[in-house]
C-alpha atoms as a PDB file:
ATOM      1  CA  MET A   1     -22.993  11.244  32.031  1.00  0.00           C
ATOM      2  CA  LYS A   2     -23.255  10.834  28.595  1.00  0.00           C
ATOM      3  CA  SER A   3     -26.117   8.435  27.189  1.00  0.00           C
ATOM      4  CA  LYS A   4     -25.708   5.860  25.048  1.00  0.00           C
ATOM      5  CA  LYS A   5     -26.339   6.216  21.361  1.00  0.00           C
ATOM      6  CA  SER A   6     -29.566   5.833  19.434  1.00  0.00           C
ATOM      7  CA  SER A   7     -29.667   2.982  17.032  1.00  0.00           C
ATOM      8  CA  THR A   8     -29.815   5.019  14.383  1.00  0.00           C
ATOM      9  CA  ASP A   9     -26.445   6.877  15.558  1.00  0.00           C
ATOM     10  CA  TYR A  10     -24.890   3.563  16.240  1.00  0.00           C
ATOM     11  CA  ASN A  11     -25.641   2.190  12.692  1.00  0.00           C
ATOM     12  CA  TYR A  12     -24.557   4.990  10.723  1.00  0.00           C
ATOM     13  CA  ARG A  13     -25.649   5.017   6.903  1.00  0.00           C
ATOM     14  CA  HIS A  14     -22.261   6.180   5.483  1.00  0.00           C
ATOM     15  CA  PHE A  15     -18.271   5.925   7.145  1.00  0.00           C
ATOM     16  CA  LYS A  16     -16.361   8.574   8.114  1.00  0.00           C
ATOM     17  CA  ALA A  17     -13.277   8.182   9.890  1.00  0.00           C
ATOM     18  CA  THR A  18     -14.772  10.587  12.512  1.00  0.00           C
ATOM     19  CA  ASP A  19     -16.740   7.543  13.389  1.00  0.00           C
ATOM     20  CA  TYR A  20     -13.889   6.129  15.600  1.00  0.00           C
ATOM     21  CA  ASP A  21     -12.027   7.408  18.152  1.00  0.00           C
ATOM     22  CA  PHE A  22      -9.094   5.011  18.098  1.00  0.00           C
ATOM     23  CA  THR A  23      -7.056   6.589  20.783  1.00  0.00           C
ATOM     24  CA  ASN A  24     -10.067   6.444  23.626  1.00  0.00           C
ATOM     25  CA  PHE A  25     -10.046   2.396  23.828  1.00  0.00           C
ATOM     26  CA  LYS A  26     -12.702   2.519  25.776  1.00  0.00           C
ATOM     27  CA  GLY A  27     -13.958  -1.026  27.874  1.00  0.00           C
ATOM     28  CA  PRO A  28     -12.697  -3.096  30.969  1.00  0.00           C
ATOM     29  CA  LYS A  29      -8.786  -3.334  30.762  1.00  0.00           C
ATOM     30  CA  ALA A  30      -6.318  -6.426  31.799  1.00  0.00           C
ATOM     31  CA  GLY A  31      -6.732  -6.996  35.246  1.00  0.00           C
ATOM     32  CA  GLU A  32     -10.172  -6.020  35.843  1.00  0.00           C
ATOM     33  CA  LYS A  33     -13.300  -7.970  35.281  1.00  0.00           C
ATOM     34  CA  TYR A  34     -15.451  -8.551  32.783  1.00  0.00           C
ATOM     35  CA  ILE A  35     -18.846  -7.288  32.193  1.00  0.00           C
ATOM     36  CA  ASP A  36     -21.744  -9.889  31.000  1.00  0.00           C
ATOM     37  CA  PHE A  37     -23.920  -9.005  28.373  1.00  0.00           C
ATOM     38  CA  GLU A  38     -26.733 -11.085  26.253  1.00  0.00           C
ATOM     39  CA  ALA A  39     -26.457 -11.604  22.490  1.00  0.00           C
ATOM     40  CA  ARG A  40     -27.950 -13.909  20.039  1.00  0.00           C
ATOM     41  CA  THR A  41     -27.269 -17.031  18.385  1.00  0.00           C
ATOM     42  CA  LEU A  42     -27.543 -17.670  14.583  1.00  0.00           C
ATOM     43  CA  ASP A  43     -30.326 -19.331  15.291  1.00  0.00           C
ATOM     44  CA  GLY A  44     -32.114 -16.844  17.202  1.00  0.00           C
ATOM     45  CA  ARG A  45     -31.521 -17.714  20.569  1.00  0.00           C
ATOM     46  CA  ILE A  46     -30.627 -15.783  23.640  1.00  0.00           C
ATOM     47  CA  VAL A  47     -27.390 -16.048  25.477  1.00  0.00           C
ATOM     48  CA  SER A  48     -24.738 -14.731  27.602  1.00  0.00           C
ATOM     49  CA  LEU A  49     -21.271 -14.026  27.259  1.00  0.00           C
ATOM     50  CA  SER A  50     -21.173 -15.914  30.707  1.00  0.00           C
ATOM     51  CA  ASN A  51     -22.727 -18.993  29.601  1.00  0.00           C
ATOM     52  CA  TYR A  52     -19.018 -19.843  27.559  1.00  0.00           C
ATOM     53  CA  LEU A  53     -16.624 -19.248  31.775  1.00  0.00           C
ATOM     54  CA  ASP A  54     -16.695 -22.611  31.259  1.00  0.00           C
ATOM     55  CA  LYS A  55     -13.234 -22.409  29.294  1.00  0.00           C
ATOM     56  CA  PRO A  56     -11.195 -19.296  28.673  1.00  0.00           C
ATOM     57  CA  ILE A  57     -12.712 -16.994  25.871  1.00  0.00           C
ATOM     58  CA  VAL A  58     -11.159 -15.081  22.546  1.00  0.00           C
ATOM     59  CA  LEU A  59     -13.886 -12.345  21.867  1.00  0.00           C
ATOM     60  CA  ASP A  60     -13.358 -10.420  18.282  1.00  0.00           C
ATOM     61  CA  THR A  61     -15.207  -8.192  16.599  1.00  0.00           C
ATOM     62  CA  GLY A  62     -16.188  -7.828  13.347  1.00  0.00           C
ATOM     63  CA  SER A  63     -18.956  -7.653  10.078  1.00  0.00           C
ATOM     64  CA  ILE A  64     -19.457  -8.559   6.845  1.00  0.00           C
ATOM     65  CA  THR A  65     -17.705  -5.290   5.501  1.00  0.00           C
ATOM     66  CA  CYS A  66     -15.006  -4.993   7.773  1.00  0.00           C
ATOM     67  CA  PRO A  67     -11.752  -5.495   6.083  1.00  0.00           C
ATOM     68  CA  MET A  68      -9.792  -5.742   9.368  1.00  0.00           C
ATOM     69  CA  TYR A  69     -12.155  -8.600   9.976  1.00  0.00           C
ATOM     70  CA  ALA A  70     -11.725  -9.796   6.709  1.00  0.00           C
ATOM     71  CA  ASN A  71      -7.855  -9.395   7.701  1.00  0.00           C
ATOM     72  CA  SER A  72      -7.574 -11.719  10.638  1.00  0.00           C
ATOM     73  CA  LYS A  73     -10.319 -14.127  10.902  1.00  0.00           C
ATOM     74  CA  THR A  74      -8.081 -16.818   9.000  1.00  0.00           C
ATOM     75  CA  HIS A  75      -5.716 -16.495  11.544  1.00  0.00           C
ATOM     76  CA  MET A  76      -7.842 -16.890  14.518  1.00  0.00           C
ATOM     77  CA  ILE A  77      -9.801 -19.722  12.705  1.00  0.00           C
ATOM     78  CA  SER A  78      -6.505 -21.500  12.986  1.00  0.00           C
ATOM     79  CA  LEU A  79      -5.998 -20.922  16.851  1.00  0.00           C
ATOM     80  CA  GLN A  80      -9.155 -22.068  17.513  1.00  0.00           C
ATOM     81  CA  GLU A  81      -7.977 -25.430  15.691  1.00  0.00           C
ATOM     82  CA  GLN A  82      -4.490 -24.933  17.655  1.00  0.00           C
ATOM     83  CA  TYR A  83      -7.079 -24.383  21.535  1.00  0.00           C
ATOM     84  CA  PRO A  84      -9.639 -26.418  21.800  1.00  0.00           C
ATOM     85  CA  ASN A  85      -9.876 -25.871  25.192  1.00  0.00           C
ATOM     86  CA  ILE A  86     -10.520 -22.272  24.277  1.00  0.00           C
ATOM     87  CA  HIS A  87     -14.385 -20.585  23.085  1.00  0.00           C
ATOM     88  CA  PHE A  88     -13.341 -18.652  20.180  1.00  0.00           C
ATOM     89  CA  LEU A  89     -16.104 -15.980  20.033  1.00  0.00           C
ATOM     90  CA  LEU A  90     -16.755 -13.755  17.185  1.00  0.00           C
ATOM     91  CA  LEU A  91     -19.445 -10.538  18.090  1.00  0.00           C
ATOM     92  CA  TYR A  92     -20.790  -9.821  15.633  1.00  0.00           C
ATOM     93  CA  VAL A  93     -21.044  -5.779  15.501  1.00  0.00           C
ATOM     94  CA  ARG A  94     -22.416  -2.964  13.242  1.00  0.00           C
ATOM     95  CA  GLU A  95     -21.507  -2.643   9.469  1.00  0.00           C
ATOM     96  CA  ALA A  96     -18.044  -1.023   9.446  1.00  0.00           C
ATOM     97  CA  HIS A  97     -18.288  -0.086   5.688  1.00  0.00           C
ATOM     98  CA  PRO A  98     -22.274  -0.112   4.598  1.00  0.00           C
ATOM     99  CA  GLY A  99     -22.542   1.143   1.024  1.00  0.00           C
ATOM    100  CA  GLY A 100     -25.609   0.145  -1.620  1.00  0.00           C
ATOM    101  CA  LYS A 101     -25.350  -3.690  -1.691  1.00  0.00           C
ATOM    102  CA  ILE A 102     -25.242  -4.066   2.334  1.00  0.00           C
ATOM    103  CA  ASN A 103     -26.430  -1.093   3.834  1.00  0.00           C
ATOM    104  CA  ARG A 104     -27.004   0.273   7.237  1.00  0.00           C
ATOM    105  CA  ILE A 105     -28.523  -2.471   9.264  1.00  0.00           C
ATOM    106  CA  THR A 106     -31.926  -1.395  10.940  1.00  0.00           C
ATOM    107  CA  SER A 107     -33.436  -4.804  12.598  1.00  0.00           C
ATOM    108  CA  LEU A 108     -31.772  -7.613  14.533  1.00  0.00           C
ATOM    109  CA  ASP A 109     -33.187  -9.657  12.034  1.00  0.00           C
ATOM    110  CA  GLU A 110     -31.140  -8.028   9.122  1.00  0.00           C
ATOM    111  CA  LYS A 111     -27.890  -8.312  11.532  1.00  0.00           C
ATOM    112  CA  ILE A 112     -28.303 -11.845  12.096  1.00  0.00           C
ATOM    113  CA  SER A 113     -29.159 -12.626   8.467  1.00  0.00           C
ATOM    114  CA  ASN A 114     -25.714 -10.410   7.542  1.00  0.00           C
ATOM    115  CA  ALA A 115     -23.665 -12.499  10.282  1.00  0.00           C
ATOM    116  CA  LYS A 116     -25.108 -15.823   8.831  1.00  0.00           C
ATOM    117  CA  SER A 117     -23.262 -14.896   5.329  1.00  0.00           C
ATOM    118  CA  SER A 118     -20.058 -14.383   7.049  1.00  0.00           C
ATOM    119  CA  LEU A 119     -20.200 -18.194   7.298  1.00  0.00           C
ATOM    120  CA  LYS A 120     -20.206 -18.737   3.541  1.00  0.00           C
ATOM    121  CA  LEU A 121     -18.397 -15.080   2.447  1.00  0.00           C
ATOM    122  CA  HIS A 122     -15.196 -15.384   4.611  1.00  0.00           C
ATOM    123  CA  ASN A 123     -15.543 -18.681   5.715  1.00  0.00           C
ATOM    124  CA  GLU A 124     -16.278 -18.043   9.412  1.00  0.00           C
ATOM    125  CA  LYS A 125     -15.833 -21.288  11.688  1.00  0.00           C
ATOM    126  CA  ARG A 126     -15.965 -19.920  15.220  1.00  0.00           C
ATOM    127  CA  THR A 127     -19.162 -19.476  16.984  1.00  0.00           C
ATOM    128  CA  ILE A 128     -20.814 -15.873  16.424  1.00  0.00           C
ATOM    129  CA  LEU A 129     -22.711 -14.047  18.903  1.00  0.00           C
ATOM    130  CA  VAL A 130     -24.980 -11.425  17.451  1.00  0.00           C
ATOM    131  CA  ASP A 131     -25.081  -8.033  19.345  1.00  0.00           C
ATOM    132  CA  ASP A 132     -28.480  -6.119  19.490  1.00  0.00           C
ATOM    133  CA  LEU A 133     -29.692  -3.446  17.138  1.00  0.00           C
ATOM    134  CA  GLU A 134     -28.070  -0.758  19.903  1.00  0.00           C
ATOM    135  CA  GLY A 135     -24.385  -2.341  20.214  1.00  0.00           C
ATOM    136  CA  THR A 136     -25.011  -2.428  23.876  1.00  0.00           C
ATOM    137  CA  ALA A 137     -22.108  -5.233  24.082  1.00  0.00           C
ATOM    138  CA  HIS A 138     -19.981  -4.121  21.223  1.00  0.00           C
ATOM    139  CA  GLN A 139     -20.050  -0.176  23.286  1.00  0.00           C
ATOM    140  CA  LEU A 140     -19.420  -1.876  26.473  1.00  0.00           C
ATOM    141  CA  TYR A 141     -16.249  -3.281  25.251  1.00  0.00           C
ATOM    142  CA  GLY A 142     -14.769  -0.006  23.421  1.00  0.00           C
ATOM    143  CA  ALA A 143     -16.552   0.133  20.228  1.00  0.00           C
ATOM    144  CA  MET A 144     -13.336  -0.697  17.861  1.00  0.00           C
ATOM    145  CA  PRO A 145     -14.594  -2.328  14.611  1.00  0.00           C
ATOM    146  CA  ASN A 146     -11.810  -5.468  15.081  1.00  0.00           C
ATOM    147  CA  MET A 147     -10.808  -5.703  18.557  1.00  0.00           C
ATOM    148  CA  THR A 148      -9.374  -8.901  20.615  1.00  0.00           C
ATOM    149  CA  TYR A 149      -9.992  -9.645  24.565  1.00  0.00           C
ATOM    150  CA  VAL A 150      -9.264 -12.909  26.521  1.00  0.00           C
ATOM    151  CA  ILE A 151     -11.153 -13.761  29.308  1.00  0.00           C
ATOM    152  CA  GLY A 152     -10.256 -16.111  31.774  1.00  0.00           C
ATOM    153  CA  THR A 153     -12.909 -18.694  33.558  1.00  0.00           C
ATOM    154  CA  ASP A 154     -12.161 -16.237  36.568  1.00  0.00           C
ATOM    155  CA  SER A 155     -13.968 -13.634  34.786  1.00  0.00           C
ATOM    156  CA  ILE A 156     -10.769 -11.382  35.040  1.00  0.00           C
ATOM    157  CA  ILE A 157      -9.463  -9.692  31.214  1.00  0.00           C
ATOM    158  CA  LYS A 158      -6.489 -11.381  30.590  1.00  0.00           C
ATOM    159  CA  PHE A 159      -5.082  -9.496  27.353  1.00  0.00           C
ATOM    160  CA  ARG A 160      -7.370  -6.877  25.011  1.00  0.00           C
ATOM    161  CA  ALA A 161      -6.076  -5.466  22.117  1.00  0.00           C
ATOM    162  CA  ASN A 162      -7.556  -2.030  19.583  1.00  0.00           C
ATOM    163  CA  TRP A 163      -7.028  -4.564  16.719  1.00  0.00           C
ATOM    164  CA  THR A 164      -6.691  -8.034  16.408  1.00  0.00           C
ATOM    165  CA  ASN A 165      -2.908  -8.619  16.638  1.00  0.00           C
ATOM    166  CA  ILE A 166      -2.338 -12.267  15.925  1.00  0.00           C
ATOM    167  CA  ASP A 167       1.417 -12.100  17.150  1.00  0.00           C
ATOM    168  CA  ALA A 168       0.632 -10.695  20.808  1.00  0.00           C
ATOM    169  CA  LEU A 169      -2.492 -12.805  21.070  1.00  0.00           C
ATOM    170  CA  LYS A 170      -0.640 -16.247  20.380  1.00  0.00           C
ATOM    171  CA  LYS A 171       2.261 -15.159  23.253  1.00  0.00           C
ATOM    172  CA  VAL A 172      -0.864 -14.656  25.996  1.00  0.00           C
ATOM    173  CA  LEU A 173      -2.216 -17.937  24.461  1.00  0.00           C
ATOM    174  CA  LEU A 174       1.044 -19.460  25.299  1.00  0.00           C
ATOM    175  CA  LYS A 175       0.634 -18.406  29.264  1.00  0.00           C
ATOM    176  CA  ILE A 176      -3.168 -19.005  29.329  1.00  0.00           C
ATOM    177  CA  ASP A 177      -2.510 -21.773  32.024  1.00  0.00           C
ATOM    178  CA  THR A 178      -0.373 -19.172  34.116  1.00  0.00           C
ATOM    179  CA  ASN A 179      -3.001 -16.236  34.649  1.00  0.00           C
ATOM    180  CA  HIS A 180      -0.738 -14.089  32.680  1.00  0.00           C
ATOM    181  CA  ILE A 181      -2.241 -10.502  32.361  1.00  0.00           C
ATOM    182  CA  GLU A 182      -1.064  -8.482  29.435  1.00  0.00           C
ATOM    183  CA  THR A 183      -1.450  -4.668  30.252  1.00  0.00           C
ATOM    184  CA  GLN A 184      -0.387  -3.629  26.412  1.00  0.00           C
ATOM    185  CA  ASP A 185      -3.564  -2.534  24.978  1.00  0.00           C
ATOM    186  CA  TYR A 186      -2.874  -0.446  21.931  1.00  0.00           C
ATOM    187  CA  TYR A 187      -0.973  -2.386  18.954  1.00  0.00           C
ATOM    188  CA  PRO A 188      -0.403  -1.153  15.490  1.00  0.00           C
ATOM    189  CA  VAL A 189      -3.206  -1.611  12.879  1.00  0.00           C
ATOM    190  CA  VAL A 190      -2.084  -4.875  10.837  1.00  0.00           C
ATOM    191  CA  LYS A 191      -3.233  -3.532   7.137  1.00  0.00           C
ATOM    192  CA  PRO A 192      -4.993  -5.941   4.930  1.00  0.00           C
ATOM    193  CA  SER A 193      -3.798  -6.671   1.513  1.00  0.00           C
ATOM    194  CA  LEU A 194      -5.062  -4.149  -1.364  1.00  0.00           C
ATOM    195  CA  PRO A 195      -7.229  -7.220  -2.565  1.00  0.00           C
ATOM    196  CA  THR A 196      -8.659  -8.478   0.826  1.00  0.00           C
ATOM    197  CA  ALA A 197      -9.197  -5.047   1.587  1.00  0.00           C
ATOM    198  CA  ILE A 198     -11.216  -4.126  -2.020  1.00  0.00           C
ATOM    199  CA  ARG A 199     -13.333  -7.284  -2.099  1.00  0.00           C
ATOM    200  CA  THR A 200     -14.507  -7.126   1.400  1.00  0.00           C
ATOM    201  CA  LEU A 201     -15.278  -3.320   0.712  1.00  0.00           C
ATOM    202  CA  MET A 202     -17.048  -4.278  -2.281  1.00  0.00           C
ATOM    203  CA  ILE A 203     -19.174  -6.407  -0.298  1.00  0.00           C
ATOM    204  CA  GLY A 204     -20.766  -3.426   1.237  1.00  0.00           C
ATOM    205  CA  GLY A 205     -20.901  -1.609  -2.162  1.00  0.00           C
ATOM    206  CA  ILE A 206     -19.151   0.820  -4.389  1.00  0.00           C
ATOM    207  CA  ARG A 207     -20.119   3.392  -2.187  1.00  0.00           C
ATOM    208  CA  ALA A 208     -18.497   2.076   0.972  1.00  0.00           C
ATOM    209  CA  LEU A 209     -15.470   1.920  -1.133  1.00  0.00           C
ATOM    210  CA  TYR A 210     -15.822   5.614  -2.316  1.00  0.00           C
ATOM    211  CA  GLU A 211     -16.442   6.840   0.850  1.00  0.00           C
ATOM    212  CA  PHE A 212     -13.306   4.529   2.574  1.00  0.00           C
ATOM    213  CA  ILE A 213     -10.631   6.307  -0.297  1.00  0.00           C
ATOM    214  CA  ILE A 214     -11.870   9.412   0.728  1.00  0.00           C
ATOM    215  CA  SER A 215     -11.457   9.158   4.444  1.00  0.00           C
ATOM    216  CA  LEU A 216      -8.224   7.324   3.786  1.00  0.00           C
ATOM    217  CA  PRO A 217      -5.985  10.581   4.434  1.00  0.00           C
ATOM    218  CA  GLN A 218      -7.964  11.307   7.380  1.00  0.00           C
ATOM    219  CA  LEU A 219      -7.678   7.261   8.631  1.00  0.00           C
ATOM    220  CA  ILE A 220      -3.992   7.662   8.180  1.00  0.00           C
ATOM    221  CA  ARG A 221      -3.316  10.058  10.473  1.00  0.00           C
ATOM    222  CA  GLN A 222      -5.305   8.391  13.268  1.00  0.00           C
ATOM    223  CA  HIS A 223      -3.508   5.305  13.068  1.00  0.00           C
ATOM    224  CA  LYS A 224      -0.336   6.946  13.005  1.00  0.00           C
ATOM    225  CA  GLU A 225      -1.629   8.970  16.383  1.00  0.00           C
ATOM    226  CA  VAL A 226      -1.957   5.753  17.863  1.00  0.00           C
ATOM    227  CA  ASP A 227       1.182   4.429  16.949  1.00  0.00           C
ATOM    228  CA  SER A 228       2.563   7.267  18.831  1.00  0.00           C
ATOM    229  CA  MET A 229       0.940   6.410  22.129  1.00  0.00           C
END
């Protein structure tokens, strides 16, 4: 059995397209039972995902340097306002694009600090849970940079998406009281605008922008491969 990545391997110093296998979305599938995990709140308390099962859960992943997260968070916050009967949680994971200003995370305190910064820089209003330094929860659920899960109060996964797809999520939430299970889990990437992408990459730093640009041809090929699945 393949061992879990070390914190150094998981929190890469330089972004490369090969850090992600977008065709292999691991983790619990729709219709399966969720996997509980522990995480930290922004004030450092340890909580479990199961603490939030009094309501359905929309679990999203992201980091302050992830353009895909920056592209979807406004829509997610809007949905949170529409569905007060649902917990909208953001799991803060590794930095997608470390680059000089924001570097590879080396401590839990640093990770919590970066998550707190997202409140201001991205106007984040959801409950933020900070994953551990090794990315335990992130890896349990598939390790994609900006993925979404919907978990029912019965502990069953109702929906998951390799990329946060607002249109698909809206359809699932409309049926949340019917126990509908949506089995499609691969969706085409919804590309951020150029200003959003550049602004978010520059939060990481100029190196983050450079590494993204040189990785772009490979990323495009990878996304096309997923789109053809």
